[in-house]
Amino acid sequence: MLRVLVVRNDKIGDFMLAWPALALLKAAGCHVTVFVPSYTEPLARLCPSIDEVIVDPGSEATDSQEQQLQQALADGDFDASLTLYSTWRVGQLLRRAGITYRLAPATKLTQFLYNKRLVQRRSQSSKPEWEYNLDLAAKLLKDHNLPIGYVGSPYLQVDDNVRQQRRAELAQTLALPADHAWLMVHVGSGGSANNLSAAQYEDLIAALARQLPGWVFLLTGGPSERVLVDRVMSQLINRQVPVAVCPNHDLTEFVRDIAAADAFMAGSTGPLHIAGALDVPTIGFYPLRRSATSLRWQTLNSPKRRMAVSPTSSMPNPESFEGLDIESVASDIARWLEPADVMQVDAVDEPLGI
């Protein structure tokens, strides 16, 4: 069995978009270990394609922690490594660990720390990030004469009994009607991507409430965004919108919360990509910037379950959402969500220019 170490030690969204590559490696019979930071470790523990997890203490690690990490990499007895995002530190760690096959994208100066490279031109954003990752995994398998199969969505699954139990718990805790449709809205961004403003989210949710009678809106945000979330909720209550705020959970519980929703709406952030991996219908907001397009950062759910909204070049600042026609966006989203069973809705797979 080929022992493979996969490195993706940066943000949550980037890690989630590595899951198709992890699934491809696992389906080929590889033993898959991932190298991730502590904040994505809970997600790695949920991934069915991962056998082991090595936690990166980060660039601020003490000498003792770095030595322990180096020893763990050496003890892993890896036949190959696949680095999806490379830094000088990671390249040196892998080389010192004695991994004979070290694959990474042929970008940046750090590519010279790897003996196997693949030219990708990711900056052109000509296809989804997860496909770039798949290409690297496919090269690794091809170089080792292993089969290359297809593994489709969903990449993350929550048992239906667990999902129903979590929905019942939320309904009781938040006094929500369990038999109504729930749209979960992540109003924060963690600073990782341009997003709607708090006022735009308020107006959009209020417009959706008018156009989707019977729907309930659940707000979420990161640990540092609680004040923002509470402010949006307060404004929506004043506008008589049926709204609640999800409890702050650890990441494992947050996955179950997302699975309990009927649809998920957010900027191009980690939570949106968790929802995509769960194959929950998603509505994502993407700025008009080549490095941040809806194609490049496409979610992992099946095509019929994802909808993308982007500004147009005629807007004051296409890289932001300033001037977005909220009523028009709400109408498009409502038409997409309107059927009772949103899981069967035919969605637009290309971004809507609003």
Protein backbone atom coordinates (compact mmCIF):
# COMPACT_ATOMS: atom_id res chain seq x y z
CA MET A 1 0.00 0.00 0.00
CA LEU A 2 1.42 3.38 -1.04
CA ARG A 3 1.79 5.68 1.95
CA VAL A 4 1.05 9.26 0.89
CA LEU A 5 1.38 12.49 2.87
CA VAL A 6 -0.84 15.34 1.63
CA VAL A 7 0.03 18.86 2.75
CA ARG A 8 -2.67 21.54 2.96
CA ASN A 9 -1.79 23.57 6.04
CA ASP A 10 -3.65 26.80 5.40
CA LYS A 11 -7.31 27.94 5.48
CA ILE A 12 -10.49 25.89 5.89
CA GLY A 13 -11.86 26.58 2.42
CA ASP A 14 -8.60 25.59 0.76
CA PHE A 15 -8.50 22.39 2.77
CA MET A 16 -12.09 21.47 1.85
CA LEU A 17 -11.27 21.86 -1.84
CA ALA A 18 -8.56 19.23 -1.41
CA TRP A 19 -11.13 16.54 -0.53
CA PRO A 20 -11.70 15.29 -4.12
CA ALA A 21 -7.93 14.75 -4.43
CA LEU A 22 -7.90 12.92 -1.09
CA ALA A 23 -10.83 10.76 -2.25
CA LEU A 24 -9.01 9.94 -5.50
CA LEU A 25 -5.92 8.78 -3.60
CA LYS A 26 -7.96 6.72 -1.15
CA ALA A 27 -9.99 5.08 -3.95
CA ALA A 28 -6.71 3.98 -5.53
CA GLY A 29 -5.80 2.09 -2.35
CA CYS A 30 -3.37 4.59 -0.83
CA HIS A 31 -2.87 5.10 2.88
CA VAL A 32 -3.53 8.84 3.23
CA THR A 33 -2.04 11.05 5.94
CA VAL A 34 -2.67 14.80 5.95
CA PHE A 35 -0.53 17.61 7.30
CA VAL A 36 -2.90 20.34 8.54
CA PRO A 37 -3.04 23.16 11.11
CA SER A 38 -4.87 22.67 14.39
CA TYR A 39 -7.93 24.66 13.28
CA THR A 40 -8.69 22.30 10.37
CA GLU A 41 -7.82 19.15 12.34
CA PRO A 42 -11.48 18.52 13.39
CA LEU A 43 -12.51 18.51 9.71
CA ALA A 44 -9.66 16.17 8.83
CA ARG A 45 -10.90 13.75 11.50
CA LEU A 46 -14.29 13.69 9.76
CA CYS A 47 -12.93 13.02 6.29
CA PRO A 48 -13.56 9.40 5.16
CA SER A 49 -10.54 9.56 2.82
CA ILE A 50 -8.01 10.30 5.57
CA ASP A 51 -6.30 7.59 7.61
CA GLU A 52 -4.03 9.69 9.80
CA VAL A 53 -3.54 13.34 10.73
CA ILE A 54 -0.31 15.19 11.52
CA VAL A 55 -0.93 18.61 13.05
CA ASP A 56 1.33 21.47 12.01
CA PRO A 57 2.26 23.68 14.98
CA GLY A 58 2.90 26.50 12.49
CA SER A 59 5.77 28.76 11.61
CA GLU A 60 5.84 30.08 15.18
CA ALA A 61 6.58 26.61 16.58
CA THR A 62 9.26 26.27 19.24
CA ASP A 63 12.44 24.38 18.44
CA SER A 64 11.11 21.43 20.45
CA GLN A 65 7.81 21.38 18.54
CA GLU A 66 9.62 21.61 15.22
CA GLN A 67 11.87 18.70 16.17
CA GLN A 68 8.86 16.61 17.18
CA LEU A 69 7.16 17.45 13.88
CA GLN A 70 10.26 16.52 11.91
CA GLN A 71 10.43 13.20 13.76
CA ALA A 72 6.73 12.49 13.09
CA LEU A 73 7.26 13.09 9.38
CA ALA A 74 10.29 10.80 9.35
CA ASP A 75 8.48 8.10 11.34
CA GLY A 76 5.58 8.19 8.88
CA ASP A 77 7.65 6.14 6.43
CA PHE A 78 5.96 7.92 3.51
CA ASP A 79 6.50 6.72 -0.04
CA ALA A 80 5.30 10.01 -1.51
CA SER A 81 4.17 13.49 -0.55
CA LEU A 82 1.72 15.76 -2.32
CA THR A 83 1.99 19.43 -1.39
CA LEU A 84 -1.03 21.39 -2.57
CA TYR A 85 0.25 24.67 -1.16
CA SER A 86 3.97 25.02 -0.70
CA THR A 87 6.09 27.23 1.51
CA TRP A 88 9.85 27.18 1.97
CA ARG A 89 9.41 25.73 5.47
CA VAL A 90 7.20 22.86 4.26
CA GLY A 91 9.53 22.02 1.38
CA GLN A 92 12.50 21.79 3.73
CA LEU A 93 10.56 19.67 6.24
CA LEU A 94 9.61 17.13 3.58
CA ARG A 95 13.09 16.92 2.13
CA ARG A 96 14.66 16.43 5.56
CA ALA A 97 12.07 13.72 6.29
CA GLY A 98 13.65 11.64 3.51
CA ILE A 99 10.51 11.32 1.36
CA THR A 100 11.84 10.17 -1.99
CA TYR A 101 8.87 11.29 -4.13
CA ARG A 102 7.87 14.89 -3.40
CA LEU A 103 5.28 16.44 -5.72
CA ALA A 104 4.10 20.07 -5.80
CA PRO A 105 2.86 22.66 -8.31
CA ALA A 106 5.67 24.15 -10.38
CA THR A 107 5.20 27.64 -8.97
CA LYS A 108 7.25 29.96 -6.79
CA LEU A 109 10.86 29.55 -5.83
CA THR A 110 9.94 26.70 -3.47
CA GLN A 111 9.35 24.35 -6.43
CA PHE A 112 13.07 23.56 -6.40
CA LEU A 113 12.63 21.78 -3.07
CA TYR A 114 10.54 19.12 -4.85
CA ASN A 115 11.77 16.44 -7.23
CA LYS A 116 8.37 16.09 -8.95
CA ARG A 117 6.47 19.09 -10.25
CA LEU A 118 3.39 19.87 -12.34
CA VAL A 119 2.90 23.10 -14.27
CA GLN A 120 -0.63 24.38 -13.61
CA ARG A 121 -0.93 28.18 -14.14
CA ARG A 122 -3.46 28.49 -11.32
CA SER A 123 -3.37 32.28 -11.52
CA GLN A 124 -5.30 32.04 -14.80
CA SER A 125 -8.26 30.54 -12.88
CA SER A 126 -9.29 28.51 -15.92
CA LYS A 127 -10.90 25.76 -13.85
CA PRO A 128 -11.94 25.04 -10.25
CA GLU A 129 -9.34 24.86 -7.50
CA TRP A 130 -10.44 21.33 -6.65
CA GLU A 131 -9.67 20.25 -10.23
CA TYR A 132 -6.13 21.65 -9.99
CA ASN A 133 -5.75 19.52 -6.84
CA LEU A 134 -7.18 16.48 -8.65
CA ASP A 135 -4.63 16.90 -11.44
CA LEU A 136 -1.80 16.70 -8.92
CA ALA A 137 -3.26 13.61 -7.26
CA ALA A 138 -3.75 11.98 -10.68
CA LYS A 139 -0.11 12.62 -11.57
CA LEU A 140 1.02 11.00 -8.33
CA LEU A 141 -1.10 7.92 -9.05
CA LYS A 142 0.05 7.72 -12.65
CA ASP A 143 3.70 7.96 -11.60
CA HIS A 144 3.12 5.00 -9.27
CA ASN A 145 1.10 2.94 -11.78
CA LEU A 146 -2.03 3.11 -9.65
CA PRO A 147 -5.61 3.29 -10.99
CA ILE A 148 -7.25 6.66 -11.50
CA GLY A 149 -10.99 6.47 -10.87
CA TYR A 150 -13.79 8.96 -10.32
CA VAL A 151 -15.18 9.86 -6.90
CA GLY A 152 -18.16 12.22 -6.85
CA SER A 153 -20.10 14.31 -4.37
CA PRO A 154 -20.81 14.24 -1.48
CA TYR A 155 -17.30 14.13 -0.04
CA LEU A 156 -18.52 14.65 3.54
CA GLN A 157 -21.59 12.88 4.89
CA VAL A 158 -23.54 13.15 8.10
CA ASP A 159 -25.67 10.14 8.96
CA ASP A 160 -29.33 10.96 8.35
CA ASN A 161 -30.28 10.00 11.91
CA VAL A 162 -27.61 12.36 13.24
CA ARG A 163 -28.83 15.09 10.91
CA GLN A 164 -32.46 14.69 12.01
CA GLN A 165 -31.44 14.66 15.66
CA ARG A 166 -29.37 17.82 15.22
CA ARG A 167 -32.29 19.53 13.43
CA ALA A 168 -34.62 18.58 16.27
CA GLU A 169 -32.13 19.92 18.83
CA LEU A 170 -31.80 23.23 17.01
CA ALA A 171 -35.56 23.50 16.58
CA GLN A 172 -36.06 23.03 20.32
CA THR A 173 -33.18 25.27 21.42
CA LEU A 174 -34.01 28.12 19.04
CA ALA A 175 -37.82 27.67 19.01
CA LEU A 176 -37.82 26.97 15.26
CA PRO A 177 -40.48 25.12 13.26
CA ALA A 178 -38.71 21.89 12.28
CA ASP A 179 -41.12 21.33 9.40
CA HIS A 180 -40.27 24.63 7.69
CA ALA A 181 -37.36 25.17 5.28
CA TRP A 182 -34.19 26.61 6.84
CA LEU A 183 -31.75 28.90 5.05
CA MET A 184 -28.50 29.20 6.98
CA VAL A 185 -26.65 32.46 6.30
CA HIS A 186 -23.01 32.95 7.28
CA VAL A 187 -22.76 36.73 7.48
CA GLY A 188 -19.06 36.89 8.33
CA SER A 189 -16.04 36.29 6.15
CA GLY A 190 -13.12 35.88 8.50
CA GLY A 191 -11.33 38.37 6.26
CA SER A 192 -10.69 35.66 3.66
CA ALA A 193 -12.86 37.03 0.86
CA ASN A 194 -14.85 40.08 -0.20
CA ASN A 195 -18.40 39.70 1.01
CA LEU A 196 -21.69 41.51 1.33
CA SER A 197 -21.84 44.17 4.02
CA ALA A 198 -23.94 43.62 7.15
CA ALA A 199 -26.52 46.07 5.79
CA GLN A 200 -26.69 44.19 2.49
CA TYR A 201 -27.23 40.89 4.29
CA GLU A 202 -30.02 42.50 6.32
CA ASP A 203 -31.74 43.80 3.19
CA LEU A 204 -31.25 40.55 1.29
CA ILE A 205 -32.63 38.34 4.06
CA ALA A 206 -35.58 40.69 4.57
CA ALA A 207 -36.31 40.56 0.83
CA LEU A 208 -36.06 36.77 0.82
CA ALA A 209 -38.43 36.57 3.79
CA ARG A 210 -41.02 38.48 1.79
CA GLN A 211 -40.58 36.28 -1.28
CA LEU A 212 -40.24 32.95 0.56
CA PRO A 213 -43.02 32.87 3.15
CA GLY A 214 -42.54 29.98 5.53
CA TRP A 215 -38.76 29.95 5.31
CA VAL A 216 -36.71 30.48 8.47
CA PHE A 217 -33.29 32.15 8.51
CA LEU A 218 -30.42 30.96 10.73
CA LEU A 219 -27.44 33.28 11.12
CA THR A 220 -23.91 32.08 11.75
CA GLY A 221 -20.51 33.71 12.06
CA GLY A 222 -17.04 33.00 13.31
CA PRO A 223 -16.08 33.27 16.99
CA SER A 224 -14.86 36.86 16.49
CA GLU A 225 -18.00 37.87 14.57
CA ARG A 226 -20.61 37.41 17.26
CA VAL A 227 -21.24 41.16 17.63
CA LEU A 228 -21.81 41.44 13.87
CA VAL A 229 -24.20 38.48 13.85
CA ASP A 230 -26.18 39.79 16.83
CA ARG A 231 -26.50 43.20 15.19
CA VAL A 232 -27.85 41.70 11.97
CA MET A 233 -30.29 39.58 13.94
CA SER A 234 -31.53 42.56 15.93
CA GLN A 235 -32.20 44.52 12.75
CA LEU A 236 -34.03 41.59 11.16
CA ILE A 237 -36.23 41.07 14.24
CA ASN A 238 -37.20 44.75 13.99
CA ARG A 239 -38.21 44.01 10.38
CA GLN A 240 -40.31 41.03 11.54
CA VAL A 241 -38.14 38.44 9.81
CA PRO A 242 -38.23 34.88 11.26
CA VAL A 243 -34.59 34.63 12.28
CA ALA A 244 -32.39 32.96 14.88
CA VAL A 245 -28.68 32.70 15.61
CA CYS A 246 -27.02 29.30 15.68
CA PRO A 247 -25.18 28.51 18.92
CA ASN A 248 -21.41 28.81 18.82
CA HIS A 249 -20.07 25.27 18.50
CA ASP A 250 -16.78 23.65 17.79
CA LEU A 251 -16.13 22.84 14.15
CA THR A 252 -17.44 19.28 14.39
CA GLU A 253 -20.80 20.47 15.73
CA PHE A 254 -20.90 23.26 13.17
CA VAL A 255 -20.72 20.64 10.41
CA ARG A 256 -23.83 18.99 11.86
CA ASP A 257 -25.57 22.38 12.02
CA ILE A 258 -24.89 22.97 8.33
CA ALA A 259 -26.10 19.46 7.47
CA ALA A 260 -29.38 20.23 9.27
CA ALA A 261 -30.10 23.22 7.01
CA ASP A 262 -32.02 23.09 3.72
CA ALA A 263 -29.68 25.57 2.04
CA PHE A 264 -26.60 27.63 2.91
CA MET A 265 -25.69 31.18 1.84
CA ALA A 266 -22.35 32.93 2.34
CA GLY A 267 -19.40 34.62 0.73
CA SER A 268 -16.61 32.46 -0.66
CA THR A 269 -15.45 31.30 2.77
CA GLY A 270 -14.64 28.08 4.59
CA PRO A 271 -18.22 27.45 5.80
CA LEU A 272 -19.54 27.71 2.22
CA HIS A 273 -17.09 25.01 1.17
CA ILE A 274 -18.06 22.79 4.11
CA ALA A 275 -21.68 23.06 2.94
CA GLY A 276 -20.57 22.18 -0.57
CA ALA A 277 -18.74 19.08 0.61
CA LEU A 278 -21.95 18.03 2.40
CA ASP A 279 -23.86 18.57 -0.87
CA VAL A 280 -26.16 21.06 0.85
CA PRO A 281 -27.52 23.55 -1.73
CA THR A 282 -25.31 26.66 -1.65
CA ILE A 283 -25.64 30.29 -2.68
CA GLY A 284 -22.20 31.87 -2.88
CA PHE A 285 -21.11 35.48 -3.41
CA TYR A 286 -17.97 35.97 -5.51
CA PRO A 287 -16.24 39.27 -6.40
CA LEU A 288 -15.39 40.00 -10.01
CA ARG A 289 -11.67 39.31 -9.68
CA ARG A 290 -9.84 36.64 -11.67
CA SER A 291 -8.22 35.10 -8.62
CA ALA A 292 -11.57 34.91 -6.80
CA THR A 293 -14.09 33.87 -9.48
CA SER A 294 -16.95 31.48 -8.89
CA LEU A 295 -15.29 29.06 -11.30
CA ARG A 296 -11.96 29.03 -9.48
CA TRP A 297 -13.56 28.69 -6.04
CA GLN A 298 -16.47 26.52 -7.06
CA THR A 299 -18.06 24.56 -4.23
CA LEU A 300 -17.94 20.76 -4.17
CA ASN A 301 -21.66 20.06 -4.28
CA SER A 302 -23.28 18.65 -7.41
CA PRO A 303 -23.98 21.24 -10.14
CA LYS A 304 -27.73 21.42 -9.49
CA ARG A 305 -27.09 22.34 -5.86
CA ARG A 306 -24.90 25.40 -6.27
CA MET A 307 -25.74 28.94 -7.27
CA ALA A 308 -23.21 31.75 -7.70
CA VAL A 309 -23.79 35.49 -7.56
CA SER A 310 -21.22 38.00 -8.82
CA PRO A 311 -21.21 41.73 -9.52
CA THR A 312 -20.96 43.06 -13.08
CA SER A 313 -18.17 45.09 -14.62
CA SER A 314 -20.51 48.09 -14.82
CA MET A 315 -20.78 48.37 -11.05
CA PRO A 316 -18.74 51.04 -9.17
CA ASN A 317 -16.25 48.50 -7.77
CA PRO A 318 -16.55 45.06 -9.41
CA GLU A 319 -14.17 43.56 -6.83
CA SER A 320 -16.69 44.41 -4.12
CA PHE A 321 -20.48 44.20 -3.92
CA GLU A 322 -21.04 47.94 -3.72
CA GLY A 323 -24.14 48.83 -5.71
CA LEU A 324 -25.50 45.27 -5.88
CA ASP A 325 -29.21 45.21 -6.76
CA ILE A 326 -30.42 43.41 -3.65
CA GLU A 327 -34.05 43.07 -4.76
CA SER A 328 -33.02 41.50 -8.07
CA VAL A 329 -30.62 39.12 -6.35
CA ALA A 330 -33.34 38.13 -3.86
CA SER A 331 -35.75 37.39 -6.70
CA ASP A 332 -33.23 35.12 -8.43
CA ILE A 333 -32.42 33.29 -5.20
CA ALA A 334 -36.10 32.92 -4.31
CA ARG A 335 -36.89 31.42 -7.72
CA TRP A 336 -34.10 28.93 -7.19
CA LEU A 337 -35.20 28.00 -3.68
CA GLU A 338 -38.95 28.23 -4.14
CA PRO A 339 -39.77 24.52 -4.74
CA ALA A 340 -40.54 22.70 -1.51
CA ASP A 341 -37.71 20.23 -2.05
CA VAL A 342 -34.71 22.45 -2.72
CA MET A 343 -32.54 19.38 -3.14
CA GLN A 344 -34.19 18.84 -6.53
CA VAL A 345 -33.85 22.42 -7.81
CA ASP A 346 -32.08 23.04 -11.11
CA ALA A 347 -29.54 25.73 -10.35
CA VAL A 348 -27.45 27.96 -12.55
CA ASP A 349 -23.88 26.63 -12.55
CA GLU A 350 -22.39 29.88 -13.83
CA PRO A 351 -22.37 33.12 -11.80
CA LEU A 352 -25.31 35.43 -12.19
CA GLY A 353 -24.37 38.92 -13.30
CA ILE A 354 -26.59 41.19 -11.25
